[in-house]
Amino acid sequence: MEVELVLDAKAVLGEGALWHAPSQRLFWVDIERHEVHVLDPATGSDRGIDIGQKVSTIVVRRSGGLVMAVQHGFATLDLETEQVGVLCEPESPRADTRFNDGKCDPAGRFWAGTMSLTRTRGAANLWRLDPDLRVECMLDDVTTSNGIVWSLDHRTMYYIDTPTRRVTAFDYVVETGGIANRRDVVLFPEGAGSPDGMAIDARGMLWIAQFRAGRVSCWDPVGGTMLQAVDLPVTKVTSCAFGGPNLDELYITTARIDLTEEELSHQPHAGGLFRVRPGVQGVGSFEFAG
């Protein structure tokens, strides 16, 4: 597979890749630069919006604009005026955590978790923002909340707490947003980097960014086996999302945070946005219903 550099963004910490099929645009963020980005692949234009604080992931809001996971909670972004509005801050005023990855579930609820900035085990949480803007803690004892997706039949939720080096599955009830029966489905061996962002394809296979390992790998969540891998010319791979008119292009965000000058000399495109055609189709993203 040919890996294409779509945008030499040199993001400090690129993350949160999200394809919006109706507009044929890719949304992504640079957490450390406090930026939401909107990429139009048809023209190659990339618009960056400084929201004034760390932003770790975004979802499209059905009623217009975006909903974001920011430092301590959830906020809105009007793409026309670039105005930011705070919805709730369930982890304010904690200084030892910040929000990290997340996505909308099939019913339009926004799930996003936090991470411990001191790497303290179990100090973070996974939160669920409902369309009526109520927020509920769905998991505690989390360290670095990361990739999250739902199965094709909407009966299983897959989730990554990065330091565990595993993907866990939950029974998921679409009507209530409830989860139960936690079990491990994918285990990453030592030396395989850290599992980060995650996407799901039209076969129900999981595509997982491997931070520090320079690759995105495809896993069968039933058998727990790796089926395919895409190697990138950078080490810090953070998230991935299927996009393009046929959802057969995998967009991949990366980072250059904490890389030395010597390391950057060997990977000058660290922090870039990449694209590959892996030979499978993905599934569309869900919008926030509130």
C-alpha atoms as a PDB file:
ATOM      1  CA  MET A   1       0.000   0.000   0.000  1.00  0.00           C
ATOM      2  CA  GLU A   2       1.199   3.479  -0.850  1.00  0.00           C
ATOM      3  CA  VAL A   3       1.123   5.907   2.065  1.00  0.00           C
ATOM      4  CA  GLU A   4       0.406   9.447   0.867  1.00  0.00           C
ATOM      5  CA  LEU A   5       1.256  12.621   2.761  1.00  0.00           C
ATOM      6  CA  VAL A   6      -1.926  14.665   2.382  1.00  0.00           C
ATOM      7  CA  LEU A   7      -0.860  17.606   4.532  1.00  0.00           C
ATOM      8  CA  ASP A   8       2.584  18.359   5.945  1.00  0.00           C
ATOM      9  CA  ALA A   9       0.925  19.960   8.957  1.00  0.00           C
ATOM     10  CA  LYS A  10       3.774  19.459  11.426  1.00  0.00           C
ATOM     11  CA  ALA A  11       1.136  19.157  14.146  1.00  0.00           C
ATOM     12  CA  VAL A  12       2.485  19.018  17.666  1.00  0.00           C
ATOM     13  CA  LEU A  13      -0.188  16.493  18.626  1.00  0.00           C
ATOM     14  CA  GLY A  14      -2.525  15.748  15.727  1.00  0.00           C
ATOM     15  CA  GLU A  15      -5.567  13.738  16.815  1.00  0.00           C
ATOM     16  CA  GLY A  16      -9.302  13.171  16.484  1.00  0.00           C
ATOM     17  CA  ALA A  17      -9.654  12.349  12.770  1.00  0.00           C
ATOM     18  CA  LEU A  18     -13.348  12.443  11.785  1.00  0.00           C
ATOM     19  CA  TRP A  19     -14.819  12.228   8.279  1.00  0.00           C
ATOM     20  CA  HIS A  20     -18.095  14.050   7.584  1.00  0.00           C
ATOM     21  CA  ALA A  21     -19.664  12.409   4.546  1.00  0.00           C
ATOM     22  CA  PRO A  22     -22.324  15.065   3.733  1.00  0.00           C
ATOM     23  CA  SER A  23     -19.686  17.789   3.355  1.00  0.00           C
ATOM     24  CA  GLN A  24     -16.870  15.488   2.192  1.00  0.00           C
ATOM     25  CA  ARG A  25     -14.541  17.096   4.710  1.00  0.00           C
ATOM     26  CA  LEU A  26     -12.139  15.749   7.310  1.00  0.00           C
ATOM     27  CA  PHE A  27     -12.076  17.253  10.781  1.00  0.00           C
ATOM     28  CA  TRP A  28      -9.029  16.830  13.014  1.00  0.00           C
ATOM     29  CA  VAL A  29      -7.336  18.639  15.895  1.00  0.00           C
ATOM     30  CA  ASP A  30      -3.911  19.704  17.098  1.00  0.00           C
ATOM     31  CA  ILE A  31      -4.329  19.364  20.852  1.00  0.00           C
ATOM     32  CA  GLU A  32      -1.261  21.315  21.918  1.00  0.00           C
ATOM     33  CA  ARG A  33      -1.885  24.201  19.514  1.00  0.00           C
ATOM     34  CA  HIS A  34      -5.536  24.445  20.585  1.00  0.00           C
ATOM     35  CA  GLU A  35      -6.712  24.092  16.977  1.00  0.00           C
ATOM     36  CA  VAL A  36      -9.654  22.500  15.219  1.00  0.00           C
ATOM     37  CA  HIS A  37      -8.869  21.808  11.562  1.00  0.00           C
ATOM     38  CA  VAL A  38     -11.204  21.382   8.592  1.00  0.00           C
ATOM     39  CA  LEU A  39      -9.621  19.749   5.544  1.00  0.00           C
ATOM     40  CA  ASP A  40     -11.223  19.799   2.113  1.00  0.00           C
ATOM     41  CA  PRO A  41      -9.424  17.032   0.181  1.00  0.00           C
ATOM     42  CA  ALA A  42     -10.940  18.208  -3.113  1.00  0.00           C
ATOM     43  CA  THR A  43      -9.055  21.500  -2.932  1.00  0.00           C
ATOM     44  CA  GLY A  44      -6.310  20.640  -0.470  1.00  0.00           C
ATOM     45  CA  SER A  45      -7.284  23.576   1.735  1.00  0.00           C
ATOM     46  CA  ASP A  46      -6.951  23.150   5.501  1.00  0.00           C
ATOM     47  CA  ARG A  47      -8.596  25.687   7.786  1.00  0.00           C
ATOM     48  CA  GLY A  48      -7.328  25.961  11.360  1.00  0.00           C
ATOM     49  CA  ILE A  49      -9.439  27.494  14.131  1.00  0.00           C
ATOM     50  CA  ASP A  50      -7.793  28.458  17.447  1.00  0.00           C
ATOM     51  CA  ILE A  51     -10.321  27.784  20.200  1.00  0.00           C
ATOM     52  CA  GLY A  52      -8.187  29.112  23.042  1.00  0.00           C
ATOM     53  CA  GLN A  53      -7.699  25.875  24.968  1.00  0.00           C
ATOM     54  CA  LYS A  54      -6.705  22.271  24.390  1.00  0.00           C
ATOM     55  CA  VAL A  55      -9.167  20.406  22.192  1.00  0.00           C
ATOM     56  CA  SER A  56      -8.806  16.646  21.896  1.00  0.00           C
ATOM     57  CA  THR A  57     -11.635  15.446  19.663  1.00  0.00           C
ATOM     58  CA  ILE A  58     -14.709  16.734  17.837  1.00  0.00           C
ATOM     59  CA  VAL A  59     -18.024  15.473  16.521  1.00  0.00           C
ATOM     60  CA  VAL A  60     -20.467  17.049  14.110  1.00  0.00           C
ATOM     61  CA  ARG A  61     -23.643  18.409  15.717  1.00  0.00           C
ATOM     62  CA  ARG A  62     -26.855  17.556  13.904  1.00  0.00           C
ATOM     63  CA  SER A  63     -28.276  21.006  14.640  1.00  0.00           C
ATOM     64  CA  GLY A  64     -25.154  22.702  13.235  1.00  0.00           C
ATOM     65  CA  GLY A  65     -21.520  23.233  14.102  1.00  0.00           C
ATOM     66  CA  LEU A  66     -19.363  20.959  16.200  1.00  0.00           C
ATOM     67  CA  VAL A  67     -19.238  19.625  19.734  1.00  0.00           C
ATOM     68  CA  MET A  68     -15.742  19.308  21.174  1.00  0.00           C
ATOM     69  CA  ALA A  69     -14.009  17.614  24.073  1.00  0.00           C
ATOM     70  CA  VAL A  70     -11.857  20.362  25.579  1.00  0.00           C
ATOM     71  CA  GLN A  71      -9.624  20.628  28.652  1.00  0.00           C
ATOM     72  CA  HIS A  72     -12.210  19.931  31.376  1.00  0.00           C
ATOM     73  CA  GLY A  73     -15.413  19.075  29.513  1.00  0.00           C
ATOM     74  CA  PHE A  74     -17.596  19.627  26.469  1.00  0.00           C
ATOM     75  CA  ALA A  75     -18.018  22.745  24.322  1.00  0.00           C
ATOM     76  CA  THR A  76     -19.570  23.840  21.042  1.00  0.00           C
ATOM     77  CA  LEU A  77     -17.960  25.502  18.036  1.00  0.00           C
ATOM     78  CA  ASP A  78     -19.837  27.589  15.487  1.00  0.00           C
ATOM     79  CA  LEU A  79     -17.914  27.092  12.261  1.00  0.00           C
ATOM     80  CA  GLU A  80     -19.206  30.339  10.765  1.00  0.00           C
ATOM     81  CA  THR A  81     -18.439  32.718  13.635  1.00  0.00           C
ATOM     82  CA  GLU A  82     -15.744  30.564  15.313  1.00  0.00           C
ATOM     83  CA  GLN A  83     -17.467  31.208  18.637  1.00  0.00           C
ATOM     84  CA  VAL A  84     -16.943  28.657  21.426  1.00  0.00           C
ATOM     85  CA  GLY A  85     -19.655  27.859  23.968  1.00  0.00           C
ATOM     86  CA  VAL A  86     -19.127  25.762  27.107  1.00  0.00           C
ATOM     87  CA  LEU A  87     -21.712  23.018  27.683  1.00  0.00           C
ATOM     88  CA  CYS A  88     -20.383  21.431  30.877  1.00  0.00           C
ATOM     89  CA  GLU A  89     -17.112  20.820  32.705  1.00  0.00           C
ATOM     90  CA  PRO A  90     -17.457  17.561  34.652  1.00  0.00           C
ATOM     91  CA  GLU A  91     -13.744  17.437  35.576  1.00  0.00           C
ATOM     92  CA  SER A  92     -13.264  21.109  36.488  1.00  0.00           C
ATOM     93  CA  PRO A  93     -11.231  22.346  38.314  1.00  0.00           C
ATOM     94  CA  ARG A  94      -8.934  19.301  38.272  1.00  0.00           C
ATOM     95  CA  ALA A  95      -5.414  20.138  37.114  1.00  0.00           C
ATOM     96  CA  ASP A  96      -4.244  16.528  36.888  1.00  0.00           C
ATOM     97  CA  THR A  97      -6.488  15.399  33.988  1.00  0.00           C
ATOM     98  CA  ARG A  98      -7.670  16.595  30.599  1.00  0.00           C
ATOM     99  CA  PHE A  99     -10.155  15.238  28.070  1.00  0.00           C
ATOM    100  CA  ASN A 100      -8.812  13.018  25.313  1.00  0.00           C
ATOM    101  CA  ASP A 101     -10.398  10.862  22.582  1.00  0.00           C
ATOM    102  CA  GLY A 102     -14.084  10.199  21.905  1.00  0.00           C
ATOM    103  CA  LYS A 103     -16.875   9.678  19.382  1.00  0.00           C
ATOM    104  CA  CYS A 104     -20.654   9.679  19.026  1.00  0.00           C
ATOM    105  CA  ASP A 105     -22.566   6.439  19.475  1.00  0.00           C
ATOM    106  CA  PRO A 106     -25.327   5.230  17.100  1.00  0.00           C
ATOM    107  CA  ALA A 107     -27.991   7.117  19.087  1.00  0.00           C
ATOM    108  CA  GLY A 108     -26.104  10.434  18.901  1.00  0.00           C
ATOM    109  CA  ARG A 109     -24.582  10.477  22.381  1.00  0.00           C
ATOM    110  CA  PHE A 110     -21.039  11.859  22.662  1.00  0.00           C
ATOM    111  CA  TRP A 111     -18.641   9.602  24.579  1.00  0.00           C
ATOM    112  CA  ALA A 112     -15.287  11.099  25.555  1.00  0.00           C
ATOM    113  CA  GLY A 113     -12.811  10.191  28.251  1.00  0.00           C
ATOM    114  CA  THR A 114     -10.058  11.864  30.181  1.00  0.00           C
ATOM    115  CA  MET A 115      -6.409  11.045  30.774  1.00  0.00           C
ATOM    116  CA  SER A 116      -4.150  11.429  33.771  1.00  0.00           C
ATOM    117  CA  LEU A 117      -1.521  14.098  33.119  1.00  0.00           C
ATOM    118  CA  THR A 118       0.630  12.559  35.863  1.00  0.00           C
ATOM    119  CA  ARG A 119       0.134   9.033  34.456  1.00  0.00           C
ATOM    120  CA  THR A 120      -1.525   7.992  37.701  1.00  0.00           C
ATOM    121  CA  ARG A 121      -3.282   4.668  37.207  1.00  0.00           C
ATOM    122  CA  GLY A 122      -7.047   4.893  37.487  1.00  0.00           C
ATOM    123  CA  ALA A 123      -7.197   8.686  37.903  1.00  0.00           C
ATOM    124  CA  ALA A 124      -9.334   9.370  34.795  1.00  0.00           C
ATOM    125  CA  ASN A 125     -12.858   8.592  33.562  1.00  0.00           C
ATOM    126  CA  LEU A 126     -15.049   7.916  30.550  1.00  0.00           C
ATOM    127  CA  TRP A 127     -17.984  10.329  30.205  1.00  0.00           C
ATOM    128  CA  ARG A 128     -21.183  10.283  28.137  1.00  0.00           C
ATOM    129  CA  LEU A 129     -22.876  13.491  26.998  1.00  0.00           C
ATOM    130  CA  ASP A 130     -26.517  12.835  26.107  1.00  0.00           C
ATOM    131  CA  PRO A 131     -28.515  14.820  23.521  1.00  0.00           C
ATOM    132  CA  ASP A 132     -30.384  16.578  26.360  1.00  0.00           C
ATOM    133  CA  LEU A 133     -26.917  17.753  27.560  1.00  0.00           C
ATOM    134  CA  ARG A 134     -26.926  15.656  30.710  1.00  0.00           C
ATOM    135  CA  VAL A 135     -23.518  14.135  31.401  1.00  0.00           C
ATOM    136  CA  GLU A 136     -22.818  10.818  33.114  1.00  0.00           C
ATOM    137  CA  CYS A 137     -19.621   9.047  34.154  1.00  0.00           C
ATOM    138  CA  MET A 138     -19.713   5.619  32.516  1.00  0.00           C
ATOM    139  CA  LEU A 139     -16.324   4.274  33.643  1.00  0.00           C
ATOM    140  CA  ASP A 140     -13.868   5.269  36.322  1.00  0.00           C
ATOM    141  CA  ASP A 141     -10.475   3.746  37.094  1.00  0.00           C
ATOM    142  CA  VAL A 142      -9.257   4.836  33.637  1.00  0.00           C
ATOM    143  CA  THR A 143      -5.718   6.075  32.986  1.00  0.00           C
ATOM    144  CA  THR A 144      -5.632   7.277  29.345  1.00  0.00           C
ATOM    145  CA  SER A 145      -9.023   7.078  27.647  1.00  0.00           C
ATOM    146  CA  ASN A 146      -8.576   6.614  23.924  1.00  0.00           C
ATOM    147  CA  GLY A 147     -10.174   4.880  20.900  1.00  0.00           C
ATOM    148  CA  ILE A 148     -13.864   4.018  20.963  1.00  0.00           C
ATOM    149  CA  VAL A 149     -16.174   2.536  18.286  1.00  0.00           C
ATOM    150  CA  TRP A 150     -19.395   0.537  18.025  1.00  0.00           C
ATOM    151  CA  SER A 151     -20.002  -2.734  16.192  1.00  0.00           C
ATOM    152  CA  LEU A 152     -21.986  -2.868  12.970  1.00  0.00           C
ATOM    153  CA  ASP A 153     -25.048  -4.319  14.725  1.00  0.00           C
ATOM    154  CA  HIS A 154     -24.787  -1.638  17.463  1.00  0.00           C
ATOM    155  CA  ARG A 155     -24.698  -4.272  20.209  1.00  0.00           C
ATOM    156  CA  THR A 156     -21.035  -3.975  21.207  1.00  0.00           C
ATOM    157  CA  MET A 157     -18.839  -1.050  22.202  1.00  0.00           C
ATOM    158  CA  TYR A 158     -15.065  -1.351  21.779  1.00  0.00           C
ATOM    159  CA  TYR A 159     -12.811   0.793  23.947  1.00  0.00           C
ATOM    160  CA  ILE A 160      -9.112   1.441  24.596  1.00  0.00           C
ATOM    161  CA  ASP A 161      -7.502   2.539  27.848  1.00  0.00           C
ATOM    162  CA  THR A 162      -4.007   2.937  26.402  1.00  0.00           C
ATOM    163  CA  PRO A 163      -1.700   1.741  29.238  1.00  0.00           C
ATOM    164  CA  THR A 164      -3.569  -1.577  29.416  1.00  0.00           C
ATOM    165  CA  ARG A 165      -2.387  -2.317  25.835  1.00  0.00           C
ATOM    166  CA  ARG A 166      -5.729  -3.926  25.053  1.00  0.00           C
ATOM    167  CA  VAL A 167      -9.101  -3.379  23.443  1.00  0.00           C
ATOM    168  CA  THR A 168     -12.019  -4.187  25.699  1.00  0.00           C
ATOM    169  CA  ALA A 169     -15.572  -4.887  24.574  1.00  0.00           C
ATOM    170  CA  PHE A 170     -18.852  -4.149  26.332  1.00  0.00           C
ATOM    171  CA  ASP A 171     -22.403  -5.201  25.658  1.00  0.00           C
ATOM    172  CA  TYR A 172     -24.055  -1.963  24.528  1.00  0.00           C
ATOM    173  CA  VAL A 173     -27.743  -1.024  24.660  1.00  0.00           C
ATOM    174  CA  VAL A 174     -28.496   1.557  21.995  1.00  0.00           C
ATOM    175  CA  GLU A 175     -31.831   2.584  23.559  1.00  0.00           C
ATOM    176  CA  THR A 176     -30.300   3.589  26.907  1.00  0.00           C
ATOM    177  CA  GLY A 177     -26.574   3.958  26.254  1.00  0.00           C
ATOM    178  CA  GLY A 178     -25.873   1.363  28.921  1.00  0.00           C
ATOM    179  CA  ILE A 179     -22.772  -0.853  28.887  1.00  0.00           C
ATOM    180  CA  ALA A 180     -22.042  -4.134  30.685  1.00  0.00           C
ATOM    181  CA  ASN A 181     -20.061  -7.384  30.563  1.00  0.00           C
ATOM    182  CA  ARG A 182     -16.557  -6.020  30.069  1.00  0.00           C
ATOM    183  CA  ARG A 183     -14.057  -8.399  28.424  1.00  0.00           C
ATOM    184  CA  ASP A 184     -10.751  -8.224  26.537  1.00  0.00           C
ATOM    185  CA  VAL A 185     -10.787  -8.856  22.781  1.00  0.00           C
ATOM    186  CA  VAL A 186      -7.391  -7.614  21.522  1.00  0.00           C
ATOM    187  CA  LEU A 187      -4.074  -7.733  23.382  1.00  0.00           C
ATOM    188  CA  PHE A 188      -1.056  -5.774  22.125  1.00  0.00           C
ATOM    189  CA  PRO A 189       2.304  -7.415  22.812  1.00  0.00           C
ATOM    190  CA  GLU A 190       5.222  -5.631  24.452  1.00  0.00           C
ATOM    191  CA  GLY A 191       7.169  -3.534  21.965  1.00  0.00           C
ATOM    192  CA  ALA A 192       4.133  -2.818  19.757  1.00  0.00           C
ATOM    193  CA  GLY A 193       3.745   0.764  20.865  1.00  0.00           C
ATOM    194  CA  SER A 194       0.627   2.076  22.583  1.00  0.00           C
ATOM    195  CA  PRO A 195      -2.886   1.578  21.137  1.00  0.00           C
ATOM    196  CA  ASP A 196      -4.387   5.011  20.494  1.00  0.00           C
ATOM    197  CA  GLY A 197      -7.261   6.068  18.203  1.00  0.00           C
ATOM    198  CA  MET A 198      -9.516   3.502  16.538  1.00  0.00           C
ATOM    199  CA  ALA A 199     -11.868   3.106  13.560  1.00  0.00           C
ATOM    200  CA  ILE A 200     -14.058   0.248  12.336  1.00  0.00           C
ATOM    201  CA  ASP A 201     -14.499  -0.998   8.781  1.00  0.00           C
ATOM    202  CA  ALA A 202     -17.532  -2.379   6.943  1.00  0.00           C
ATOM    203  CA  ARG A 203     -16.533  -5.939   7.892  1.00  0.00           C
ATOM    204  CA  GLY A 204     -16.500  -5.123  11.588  1.00  0.00           C
ATOM    205  CA  MET A 205     -12.690  -5.172  11.841  1.00  0.00           C
ATOM    206  CA  LEU A 206     -10.874  -2.669  14.065  1.00  0.00           C
ATOM    207  CA  TRP A 207      -8.182  -0.289  12.755  1.00  0.00           C
ATOM    208  CA  ILE A 208      -5.953   0.959  15.551  1.00  0.00           C
ATOM    209  CA  ALA A 209      -3.241   3.634  15.587  1.00  0.00           C
ATOM    210  CA  GLN A 210      -0.098   2.434  17.353  1.00  0.00           C
ATOM    211  CA  PHE A 211       1.611   5.383  19.017  1.00  0.00           C
ATOM    212  CA  ARG A 212       5.433   5.134  18.993  1.00  0.00           C
ATOM    213  CA  ALA A 213       5.235   2.069  16.697  1.00  0.00           C
ATOM    214  CA  GLY A 214       4.733   3.956  13.412  1.00  0.00           C
ATOM    215  CA  ARG A 215       1.781   1.954  12.162  1.00  0.00           C
ATOM    216  CA  VAL A 216      -1.949   1.415  11.962  1.00  0.00           C
ATOM    217  CA  SER A 217      -3.003  -2.199  12.344  1.00  0.00           C
ATOM    218  CA  CYS A 218      -6.233  -4.050  11.559  1.00  0.00           C
ATOM    219  CA  TRP A 219      -7.587  -6.554  14.094  1.00  0.00           C
ATOM    220  CA  ASP A 220     -10.359  -9.120  14.190  1.00  0.00           C
ATOM    221  CA  PRO A 221     -12.167  -8.487  17.512  1.00  0.00           C
ATOM    222  CA  VAL A 222     -13.653 -11.989  17.503  1.00  0.00           C
ATOM    223  CA  GLY A 223     -10.437 -13.939  17.156  1.00  0.00           C
ATOM    224  CA  GLY A 224      -8.134 -11.235  18.542  1.00  0.00           C
ATOM    225  CA  THR A 225      -5.727 -11.621  15.614  1.00  0.00           C
ATOM    226  CA  MET A 226      -3.975  -8.948  13.552  1.00  0.00           C
ATOM    227  CA  LEU A 227      -4.994  -9.113   9.890  1.00  0.00           C
ATOM    228  CA  GLN A 228      -3.104  -6.251   8.281  1.00  0.00           C
ATOM    229  CA  ALA A 229      -0.735  -3.389   9.056  1.00  0.00           C
ATOM    230  CA  VAL A 230       0.115  -0.055   7.463  1.00  0.00           C
ATOM    231  CA  ASP A 231       3.605   1.253   8.237  1.00  0.00           C
ATOM    232  CA  LEU A 232       4.148   5.012   8.222  1.00  0.00           C
ATOM    233  CA  PRO A 233       7.339   7.075   7.909  1.00  0.00           C
ATOM    234  CA  VAL A 234       6.727   8.562  11.387  1.00  0.00           C
ATOM    235  CA  THR A 235       6.578   6.923  14.807  1.00  0.00           C
ATOM    236  CA  LYS A 236       3.863   8.790  16.697  1.00  0.00           C
ATOM    237  CA  VAL A 237       0.647   7.654  15.005  1.00  0.00           C
ATOM    238  CA  THR A 238      -2.425   8.888  16.873  1.00  0.00           C
ATOM    239  CA  SER A 239      -5.783   8.349  15.136  1.00  0.00           C
ATOM    240  CA  CYS A 240      -7.430   7.127  11.952  1.00  0.00           C
ATOM    241  CA  ALA A 241     -10.755   7.533  10.148  1.00  0.00           C
ATOM    242  CA  PHE A 242     -12.221   6.168   6.946  1.00  0.00           C
ATOM    243  CA  GLY A 243     -13.165   8.844   4.441  1.00  0.00           C
ATOM    244  CA  GLY A 244     -13.439   9.744   0.784  1.00  0.00           C
ATOM    245  CA  PRO A 245     -16.507   9.475  -1.483  1.00  0.00           C
ATOM    246  CA  ASN A 246     -16.558   5.681  -1.054  1.00  0.00           C
ATOM    247  CA  LEU A 247     -15.230   5.544   2.506  1.00  0.00           C
ATOM    248  CA  ASP A 248     -12.274   3.519   1.229  1.00  0.00           C
ATOM    249  CA  GLU A 249      -9.515   5.977   2.178  1.00  0.00           C
ATOM    250  CA  LEU A 250      -7.980   5.779   5.640  1.00  0.00           C
ATOM    251  CA  TYR A 251      -6.877   9.178   6.978  1.00  0.00           C
ATOM    252  CA  ILE A 252      -4.219   9.041   9.687  1.00  0.00           C
ATOM    253  CA  THR A 253      -3.109  11.774  12.107  1.00  0.00           C
ATOM    254  CA  THR A 254       0.359  11.873  13.660  1.00  0.00           C
ATOM    255  CA  ALA A 255       2.394  13.898  16.164  1.00  0.00           C
ATOM    256  CA  ARG A 256       5.871  15.324  16.662  1.00  0.00           C
ATOM    257  CA  ILE A 257       5.560  16.067  20.378  1.00  0.00           C
ATOM    258  CA  ASP A 258       8.692  15.288  22.418  1.00  0.00           C
ATOM    259  CA  LEU A 259      10.691  14.125  19.404  1.00  0.00           C
ATOM    260  CA  THR A 260      14.350  15.166  19.513  1.00  0.00           C
ATOM    261  CA  GLU A 261      16.008  17.112  16.724  1.00  0.00           C
ATOM    262  CA  GLU A 262      17.810  13.939  15.691  1.00  0.00           C
ATOM    263  CA  GLU A 263      14.539  11.992  15.568  1.00  0.00           C
ATOM    264  CA  LEU A 264      12.908  14.749  13.526  1.00  0.00           C
ATOM    265  CA  SER A 265      15.770  14.641  11.048  1.00  0.00           C
ATOM    266  CA  HIS A 266      14.840  11.014  10.322  1.00  0.00           C
ATOM    267  CA  GLN A 267      11.089  11.691  10.200  1.00  0.00           C
ATOM    268  CA  PRO A 268      10.651  15.237   8.855  1.00  0.00           C
ATOM    269  CA  HIS A 269       6.943  14.698   8.165  1.00  0.00           C
ATOM    270  CA  ALA A 270       6.093  13.867  11.777  1.00  0.00           C
ATOM    271  CA  GLY A 271       2.859  15.627  12.653  1.00  0.00           C
ATOM    272  CA  GLY A 272       1.603  15.227   9.097  1.00  0.00           C
ATOM    273  CA  LEU A 273      -1.761  13.982   7.918  1.00  0.00           C
ATOM    274  CA  PHE A 274      -1.494  10.811   5.852  1.00  0.00           C
ATOM    275  CA  ARG A 275      -3.840   8.754   3.673  1.00  0.00           C
ATOM    276  CA  VAL A 276      -3.817   5.157   2.462  1.00  0.00           C
ATOM    277  CA  ARG A 277      -6.244   2.958   0.544  1.00  0.00           C
ATOM    278  CA  PRO A 278      -6.269  -0.313   2.489  1.00  0.00           C
ATOM    279  CA  GLY A 279      -8.619  -2.217   0.171  1.00  0.00           C
ATOM    280  CA  VAL A 280     -11.654  -2.121   2.479  1.00  0.00           C
ATOM    281  CA  GLN A 281     -14.443   0.349   3.177  1.00  0.00           C
ATOM    282  CA  GLY A 282     -15.205   1.978   6.468  1.00  0.00           C
ATOM    283  CA  VAL A 283     -18.489   3.073   8.000  1.00  0.00           C
ATOM    284  CA  GLY A 284     -19.817   6.599   8.426  1.00  0.00           C
ATOM    285  CA  SER A 285     -19.510   8.586  11.643  1.00  0.00           C
ATOM    286  CA  PHE A 286     -22.462   9.387  13.876  1.00  0.00           C
ATOM    287  CA  GLU A 287     -23.565  12.954  14.643  1.00  0.00           C
ATOM    288  CA  PHE A 288     -24.375  14.404  18.042  1.00  0.00           C
ATOM    289  CA  ALA A 289     -28.165  14.466  18.325  1.00  0.00           C
ATOM    290  CA  GLY A 290     -28.430  17.409  20.723  1.00  0.00           C
END
